[in-house]
Amino acid sequence: MPVGGYDPEDVDDRLESLMDATGRDPSNWLTDEELAAWEDGESLVDLLDEEDIHELLQKDGETSEEDP
């Protein structure tokens, strides 16, 4: 579902980069079926639920605050 004012590809790319961060495993957020759908080109915005997206973004905020 597109969010007004945001390019869905940019949002998807950001979520992907957060999931790919060191020490993070996409299976923490995606089932095997969702992982397969993602590998087939499905958008993370469509696959992740709202809580998972918030968790990823929150972890990003924590990381950003720790970095100088």
PDB file of N, CA and C in Angstrom:
ATOM      1  N   MET A   1       0.842  -1.167   0.000  1.00  0.00           N
ATOM      2  CA  MET A   1       0.000   0.000   0.000  1.00  0.00           C
ATOM      3  C   MET A   1       0.895   1.240   0.000  1.00  0.00           C
ATOM      4  N   PRO A   2       0.823   2.064  -1.037  1.00  0.00           N
ATOM      5  CA  PRO A   2       1.648   3.266  -1.110  1.00  0.00           C
ATOM      6  C   PRO A   2       1.265   4.284  -0.038  1.00  0.00           C
ATOM      7  N   VAL A   3       2.271   4.993   0.443  1.00  0.00           N
ATOM      8  CA  VAL A   3       2.076   6.038   1.424  1.00  0.00           C
ATOM      9  C   VAL A   3       2.269   7.371   0.702  1.00  0.00           C
ATOM     10  N   GLY A   4       1.310   8.278   0.857  1.00  0.00           N
ATOM     11  CA  GLY A   4       1.394   9.562   0.186  1.00  0.00           C
ATOM     12  C   GLY A   4       2.688  10.289   0.489  1.00  0.00           C
ATOM     13  N   GLY A   5       3.358  10.781  -0.561  1.00  0.00           N
ATOM     14  CA  GLY A   5       4.592  11.523  -0.381  1.00  0.00           C
ATOM     15  C   GLY A   5       5.843  10.673  -0.349  1.00  0.00           C
ATOM     16  N   TYR A   6       5.696   9.368  -0.444  1.00  0.00           N
ATOM     17  CA  TYR A   6       6.842   8.467  -0.406  1.00  0.00           C
ATOM     18  C   TYR A   6       6.864   7.596  -1.648  1.00  0.00           C
ATOM     19  N   ASP A   7       8.047   7.392  -2.181  1.00  0.00           N
ATOM     20  CA  ASP A   7       8.211   6.478  -3.301  1.00  0.00           C
ATOM     21  C   ASP A   7       8.265   5.067  -2.712  1.00  0.00           C
ATOM     22  N   PRO A   8       7.332   4.188  -3.090  1.00  0.00           N
ATOM     23  CA  PRO A   8       7.314   2.834  -2.526  1.00  0.00           C
ATOM     24  C   PRO A   8       8.637   2.093  -2.698  1.00  0.00           C
ATOM     25  N   GLU A   9       9.342   2.343  -3.791  1.00  0.00           N
ATOM     26  CA  GLU A   9      10.633   1.675  -3.990  1.00  0.00           C
ATOM     27  C   GLU A   9      11.670   2.169  -2.981  1.00  0.00           C
ATOM     28  N   ASP A  10      11.633   3.463  -2.646  1.00  0.00           N
ATOM     29  CA  ASP A  10      12.560   3.996  -1.649  1.00  0.00           C
ATOM     30  C   ASP A  10      12.290   3.397  -0.277  1.00  0.00           C
ATOM     31  N   VAL A  11      11.018   3.298   0.073  1.00  0.00           N
ATOM     32  CA  VAL A  11      10.644   2.709   1.361  1.00  0.00           C
ATOM     33  C   VAL A  11      11.088   1.255   1.398  1.00  0.00           C
ATOM     34  N   ASP A  12      10.832   0.531   0.316  1.00  0.00           N
ATOM     35  CA  ASP A  12      11.209  -0.875   0.244  1.00  0.00           C
ATOM     36  C   ASP A  12      12.726  -1.038   0.332  1.00  0.00           C
ATOM     37  N   ASP A  13      13.467  -0.182  -0.363  1.00  0.00           N
ATOM     38  CA  ASP A  13      14.931  -0.232  -0.313  1.00  0.00           C
ATOM     39  C   ASP A  13      15.438   0.027   1.103  1.00  0.00           C
ATOM     40  N   ARG A  14      14.816   0.970   1.808  1.00  0.00           N
ATOM     41  CA  ARG A  14      15.243   1.288   3.174  1.00  0.00           C
ATOM     42  C   ARG A  14      14.980   0.112   4.114  1.00  0.00           C
ATOM     43  N   LEU A  15      13.797  -0.494   3.986  1.00  0.00           N
ATOM     44  CA  LEU A  15      13.485  -1.658   4.808  1.00  0.00           C
ATOM     45  C   LEU A  15      14.453  -2.798   4.522  1.00  0.00           C
ATOM     46  N   GLU A  16      14.768  -2.994   3.249  1.00  0.00           N
ATOM     47  CA  GLU A  16      15.711  -4.054   2.883  1.00  0.00           C
ATOM     48  C   GLU A  16      17.082  -3.791   3.494  1.00  0.00           C
ATOM     49  N   SER A  17      17.532  -2.549   3.454  1.00  0.00           N
ATOM     50  CA  SER A  17      18.847  -2.252   4.030  1.00  0.00           C
ATOM     51  C   SER A  17      18.846  -2.462   5.538  1.00  0.00           C
ATOM     52  N   LEU A  18      17.729  -2.157   6.199  1.00  0.00           N
ATOM     53  CA  LEU A  18      17.645  -2.388   7.639  1.00  0.00           C
ATOM     54  C   LEU A  18      17.638  -3.873   7.958  1.00  0.00           C
ATOM     55  N   MET A  19      16.985  -4.675   7.129  1.00  0.00           N
ATOM     56  CA  MET A  19      16.952  -6.114   7.356  1.00  0.00           C
ATOM     57  C   MET A  19      18.307  -6.747   7.075  1.00  0.00           C
ATOM     58  N   ASP A  20      19.074  -6.143   6.178  1.00  0.00           N
ATOM     59  CA  ASP A  20      20.382  -6.684   5.805  1.00  0.00           C
ATOM     60  C   ASP A  20      21.499  -6.230   6.735  1.00  0.00           C
ATOM     61  N   ALA A  21      21.183  -5.389   7.706  1.00  0.00           N
ATOM     62  CA  ALA A  21      22.206  -4.881   8.622  1.00  0.00           C
ATOM     63  C   ALA A  21      22.895  -6.044   9.329  1.00  0.00           C
ATOM     64  N   THR A  22      24.131  -5.831   9.685  1.00  0.00           N
ATOM     65  CA  THR A  22      24.932  -6.858  10.349  1.00  0.00           C
ATOM     66  C   THR A  22      24.208  -7.440  11.557  1.00  0.00           C
ATOM     67  N   GLY A  23      24.169  -8.754  11.619  1.00  0.00           N
ATOM     68  CA  GLY A  23      23.562  -9.430  12.756  1.00  0.00           C
ATOM     69  C   GLY A  23      22.060  -9.573  12.689  1.00  0.00           C
ATOM     70  N   ARG A  24      21.461  -9.156  11.590  1.00  0.00           N
ATOM     71  CA  ARG A  24      20.011  -9.268  11.446  1.00  0.00           C
ATOM     72  C   ARG A  24      19.686 -10.310  10.386  1.00  0.00           C
ATOM     73  N   ASP A  25      18.728 -11.131  10.686  1.00  0.00           N
ATOM     74  CA  ASP A  25      18.315 -12.195   9.786  1.00  0.00           C
ATOM     75  C   ASP A  25      16.896 -11.905   9.320  1.00  0.00           C
ATOM     76  N   PRO A  26      16.667 -11.809   7.998  1.00  0.00           N
ATOM     77  CA  PRO A  26      15.317 -11.531   7.502  1.00  0.00           C
ATOM     78  C   PRO A  26      14.257 -12.496   8.032  1.00  0.00           C
ATOM     79  N   SER A  27      14.660 -13.701   8.423  1.00  0.00           N
ATOM     80  CA  SER A  27      13.680 -14.657   8.944  1.00  0.00           C
ATOM     81  C   SER A  27      13.129 -14.215  10.303  1.00  0.00           C
ATOM     82  N   ASN A  28      13.737 -13.177  10.903  1.00  0.00           N
ATOM     83  CA  ASN A  28      13.168 -12.616  12.128  1.00  0.00           C
ATOM     84  C   ASN A  28      11.834 -11.929  11.838  1.00  0.00           C
ATOM     85  N   TRP A  29      11.649 -11.507  10.598  1.00  0.00           N
ATOM     86  CA  TRP A  29      10.453 -10.758  10.230  1.00  0.00           C
ATOM     87  C   TRP A  29       9.589 -11.450   9.190  1.00  0.00           C
ATOM     88  N   LEU A  30      10.172 -12.358   8.423  1.00  0.00           N
ATOM     89  CA  LEU A  30       9.440 -12.993   7.324  1.00  0.00           C
ATOM     90  C   LEU A  30       9.368 -14.503   7.509  1.00  0.00           C
ATOM     91  N   THR A  31       8.212 -15.062   7.176  1.00  0.00           N
ATOM     92  CA  THR A  31       8.065 -16.516   7.173  1.00  0.00           C
ATOM     93  C   THR A  31       8.786 -17.063   5.944  1.00  0.00           C
ATOM     94  N   ASP A  32       8.905 -18.377   5.858  1.00  0.00           N
ATOM     95  CA  ASP A  32       9.539 -18.994   4.685  1.00  0.00           C
ATOM     96  C   ASP A  32       8.797 -18.627   3.410  1.00  0.00           C
ATOM     97  N   GLU A  33       7.476 -18.607   3.478  1.00  0.00           N
ATOM     98  CA  GLU A  33       6.667 -18.257   2.303  1.00  0.00           C
ATOM     99  C   GLU A  33       6.886 -16.796   1.902  1.00  0.00           C
ATOM    100  N   GLU A  34       6.965 -15.918   2.915  1.00  0.00           N
ATOM    101  CA  GLU A  34       7.200 -14.507   2.629  1.00  0.00           C
ATOM    102  C   GLU A  34       8.605 -14.281   2.091  1.00  0.00           C
ATOM    103  N   LEU A  35       9.588 -15.011   2.620  1.00  0.00           N
ATOM    104  CA  LEU A  35      10.955 -14.912   2.095  1.00  0.00           C
ATOM    105  C   LEU A  35      10.992 -15.303   0.620  1.00  0.00           C
ATOM    106  N   ALA A  36      10.294 -16.370   0.278  1.00  0.00           N
ATOM    107  CA  ALA A  36      10.237 -16.818  -1.119  1.00  0.00           C
ATOM    108  C   ALA A  36       9.572 -15.757  -1.990  1.00  0.00           C
ATOM    109  N   ALA A  37       8.489 -15.157  -1.496  1.00  0.00           N
ATOM    110  CA  ALA A  37       7.795 -14.113  -2.250  1.00  0.00           C
ATOM    111  C   ALA A  37       8.701 -12.895  -2.438  1.00  0.00           C
ATOM    112  N   TRP A  38       9.462 -12.548  -1.394  1.00  0.00           N
ATOM    113  CA  TRP A  38      10.394 -11.423  -1.468  1.00  0.00           C
ATOM    114  C   TRP A  38      11.476 -11.695  -2.507  1.00  0.00           C
ATOM    115  N   GLU A  39      12.003 -12.916  -2.492  1.00  0.00           N
ATOM    116  CA  GLU A  39      13.030 -13.292  -3.475  1.00  0.00           C
ATOM    117  C   GLU A  39      12.476 -13.270  -4.895  1.00  0.00           C
ATOM    118  N   ASP A  40      11.156 -13.458  -5.031  1.00  0.00           N
ATOM    119  CA  ASP A  40      10.516 -13.412  -6.346  1.00  0.00           C
ATOM    120  C   ASP A  40      10.110 -11.998  -6.751  1.00  0.00           C
ATOM    121  N   GLY A  41      10.462 -10.994  -5.913  1.00  0.00           N
ATOM    122  CA  GLY A  41      10.222  -9.607  -6.281  1.00  0.00           C
ATOM    123  C   GLY A  41       9.090  -8.913  -5.552  1.00  0.00           C
ATOM    124  N   GLU A  42       8.436  -9.593  -4.614  1.00  0.00           N
ATOM    125  CA  GLU A  42       7.365  -8.971  -3.835  1.00  0.00           C
ATOM    126  C   GLU A  42       7.959  -7.874  -2.946  1.00  0.00           C
ATOM    127  N   SER A  43       7.212  -6.823  -2.722  1.00  0.00           N
ATOM    128  CA  SER A  43       7.650  -5.689  -1.929  1.00  0.00           C
ATOM    129  C   SER A  43       7.621  -6.007  -0.438  1.00  0.00           C
ATOM    130  N   LEU A  44       8.651  -5.551   0.284  1.00  0.00           N
ATOM    131  CA  LEU A  44       8.666  -5.716   1.733  1.00  0.00           C
ATOM    132  C   LEU A  44       7.530  -4.940   2.401  1.00  0.00           C
ATOM    133  N   VAL A  45       7.160  -3.825   1.799  1.00  0.00           N
ATOM    134  CA  VAL A  45       6.052  -3.032   2.332  1.00  0.00           C
ATOM    135  C   VAL A  45       4.776  -3.878   2.352  1.00  0.00           C
ATOM    136  N   ASP A  46       4.619  -4.726   1.351  1.00  0.00           N
ATOM    137  CA  ASP A  46       3.439  -5.591   1.286  1.00  0.00           C
ATOM    138  C   ASP A  46       3.567  -6.817   2.181  1.00  0.00           C
ATOM    139  N   LEU A  47       4.784  -7.277   2.409  1.00  0.00           N
ATOM    140  CA  LEU A  47       4.997  -8.522   3.165  1.00  0.00           C
ATOM    141  C   LEU A  47       5.078  -8.301   4.675  1.00  0.00           C
ATOM    142  N   LEU A  48       5.673  -7.210   5.097  1.00  0.00           N
ATOM    143  CA  LEU A  48       5.832  -6.944   6.527  1.00  0.00           C
ATOM    144  C   LEU A  48       4.557  -6.344   7.099  1.00  0.00           C
ATOM    145  N   ASP A  49       4.264  -6.708   8.351  1.00  0.00           N
ATOM    146  CA  ASP A  49       3.116  -6.060   8.991  1.00  0.00           C
ATOM    147  C   ASP A  49       3.588  -4.763   9.652  1.00  0.00           C
ATOM    148  N   GLU A  50       2.642  -3.985  10.097  1.00  0.00           N
ATOM    149  CA  GLU A  50       2.933  -2.663  10.648  1.00  0.00           C
ATOM    150  C   GLU A  50       3.899  -2.733  11.831  1.00  0.00           C
ATOM    151  N   GLU A  51       3.727  -3.702  12.710  1.00  0.00           N
ATOM    152  CA  GLU A  51       4.600  -3.834  13.875  1.00  0.00           C
ATOM    153  C   GLU A  51       6.043  -4.109  13.467  1.00  0.00           C
ATOM    154  N   ASP A  52       6.229  -4.978  12.455  1.00  0.00           N
ATOM    155  CA  ASP A  52       7.581  -5.298  11.995  1.00  0.00           C
ATOM    156  C   ASP A  52       8.259  -4.072  11.389  1.00  0.00           C
ATOM    157  N   ILE A  53       7.518  -3.300  10.623  1.00  0.00           N
ATOM    158  CA  ILE A  53       8.074  -2.083  10.025  1.00  0.00           C
ATOM    159  C   ILE A  53       8.487  -1.108  11.125  1.00  0.00           C
ATOM    160  N   HIS A  54       7.630  -0.927  12.117  1.00  0.00           N
ATOM    161  CA  HIS A  54       7.970  -0.041  13.233  1.00  0.00           C
ATOM    162  C   HIS A  54       9.206  -0.543  13.971  1.00  0.00           C
ATOM    163  N   GLU A  55       9.306  -1.857  14.178  1.00  0.00           N
ATOM    164  CA  GLU A  55      10.472  -2.427  14.864  1.00  0.00           C
ATOM    165  C   GLU A  55      11.754  -2.153  14.084  1.00  0.00           C
ATOM    166  N   LEU A  56      11.718  -2.368  12.782  1.00  0.00           N
ATOM    167  CA  LEU A  56      12.900  -2.113  11.955  1.00  0.00           C
ATOM    168  C   LEU A  56      13.294  -0.643  12.010  1.00  0.00           C
ATOM    169  N   LEU A  57      12.326   0.240  11.894  1.00  0.00           N
ATOM    170  CA  LEU A  57      12.626   1.666  11.922  1.00  0.00           C
ATOM    171  C   LEU A  57      13.111   2.110  13.295  1.00  0.00           C
ATOM    172  N   GLN A  58      12.575   1.522  14.344  1.00  0.00           N
ATOM    173  CA  GLN A  58      13.018   1.855  15.693  1.00  0.00           C
ATOM    174  C   GLN A  58      14.469   1.423  15.884  1.00  0.00           C
ATOM    175  N   LYS A  59      14.810   0.230  15.422  1.00  0.00           N
ATOM    176  CA  LYS A  59      16.198  -0.246  15.534  1.00  0.00           C
ATOM    177  C   LYS A  59      17.131   0.654  14.736  1.00  0.00           C
ATOM    178  N   ASP A  60      16.651   1.175  13.603  1.00  0.00           N
ATOM    179  CA  ASP A  60      17.452   2.090  12.808  1.00  0.00           C
ATOM    180  C   ASP A  60      17.709   3.368  13.596  1.00  0.00           C
ATOM    181  N   GLY A  61      16.698   3.881  14.281  1.00  0.00           N
ATOM    182  CA  GLY A  61      16.865   5.078  15.091  1.00  0.00           C
ATOM    183  C   GLY A  61      17.844   4.869  16.219  1.00  0.00           C
ATOM    184  N   GLU A  62      17.811   3.695  16.832  1.00  0.00           N
ATOM    185  CA  GLU A  62      18.745   3.382  17.916  1.00  0.00           C
ATOM    186  C   GLU A  62      20.167   3.334  17.391  1.00  0.00           C
ATOM    187  N   THR A  63      20.355   2.738  16.218  1.00  0.00           N
ATOM    188  CA  THR A  63      21.681   2.640  15.608  1.00  0.00           C
ATOM    189  C   THR A  63      22.200   4.022  15.235  1.00  0.00           C
ATOM    190  N   SER A  64      21.330   4.852  14.659  1.00  0.00           N
ATOM    191  CA  SER A  64      21.740   6.179  14.236  1.00  0.00           C
ATOM    192  C   SER A  64      22.175   7.031  15.404  1.00  0.00           C
ATOM    193  N   GLU A  65      21.494   6.897  16.541  1.00  0.00           N
ATOM    194  CA  GLU A  65      21.844   7.680  17.709  1.00  0.00           C
ATOM    195  C   GLU A  65      23.173   7.243  18.295  1.00  0.00           C
ATOM    196  N   GLU A  66      23.537   5.975  18.141  1.00  0.00           N
ATOM    197  CA  GLU A  66      24.792   5.463  18.687  1.00  0.00           C
ATOM    198  C   GLU A  66      25.978   5.869  17.840  1.00  0.00           C
ATOM    199  N   ASP A  67      25.759   6.050  16.531  1.00  0.00           N
ATOM    200  CA  ASP A  67      26.844   6.404  15.633  1.00  0.00           C
ATOM    201  C   ASP A  67      27.211   7.871  15.833  1.00  0.00           C
ATOM    202  N   PRO A  68      28.508   8.193  15.808  1.00  0.00           N
ATOM    203  CA  PRO A  68      28.911   9.600  15.974  1.00  0.00           C
ATOM    204  C   PRO A  68      28.542  10.435  14.792  1.00  0.00           C
TER     205      PRO A  68
END
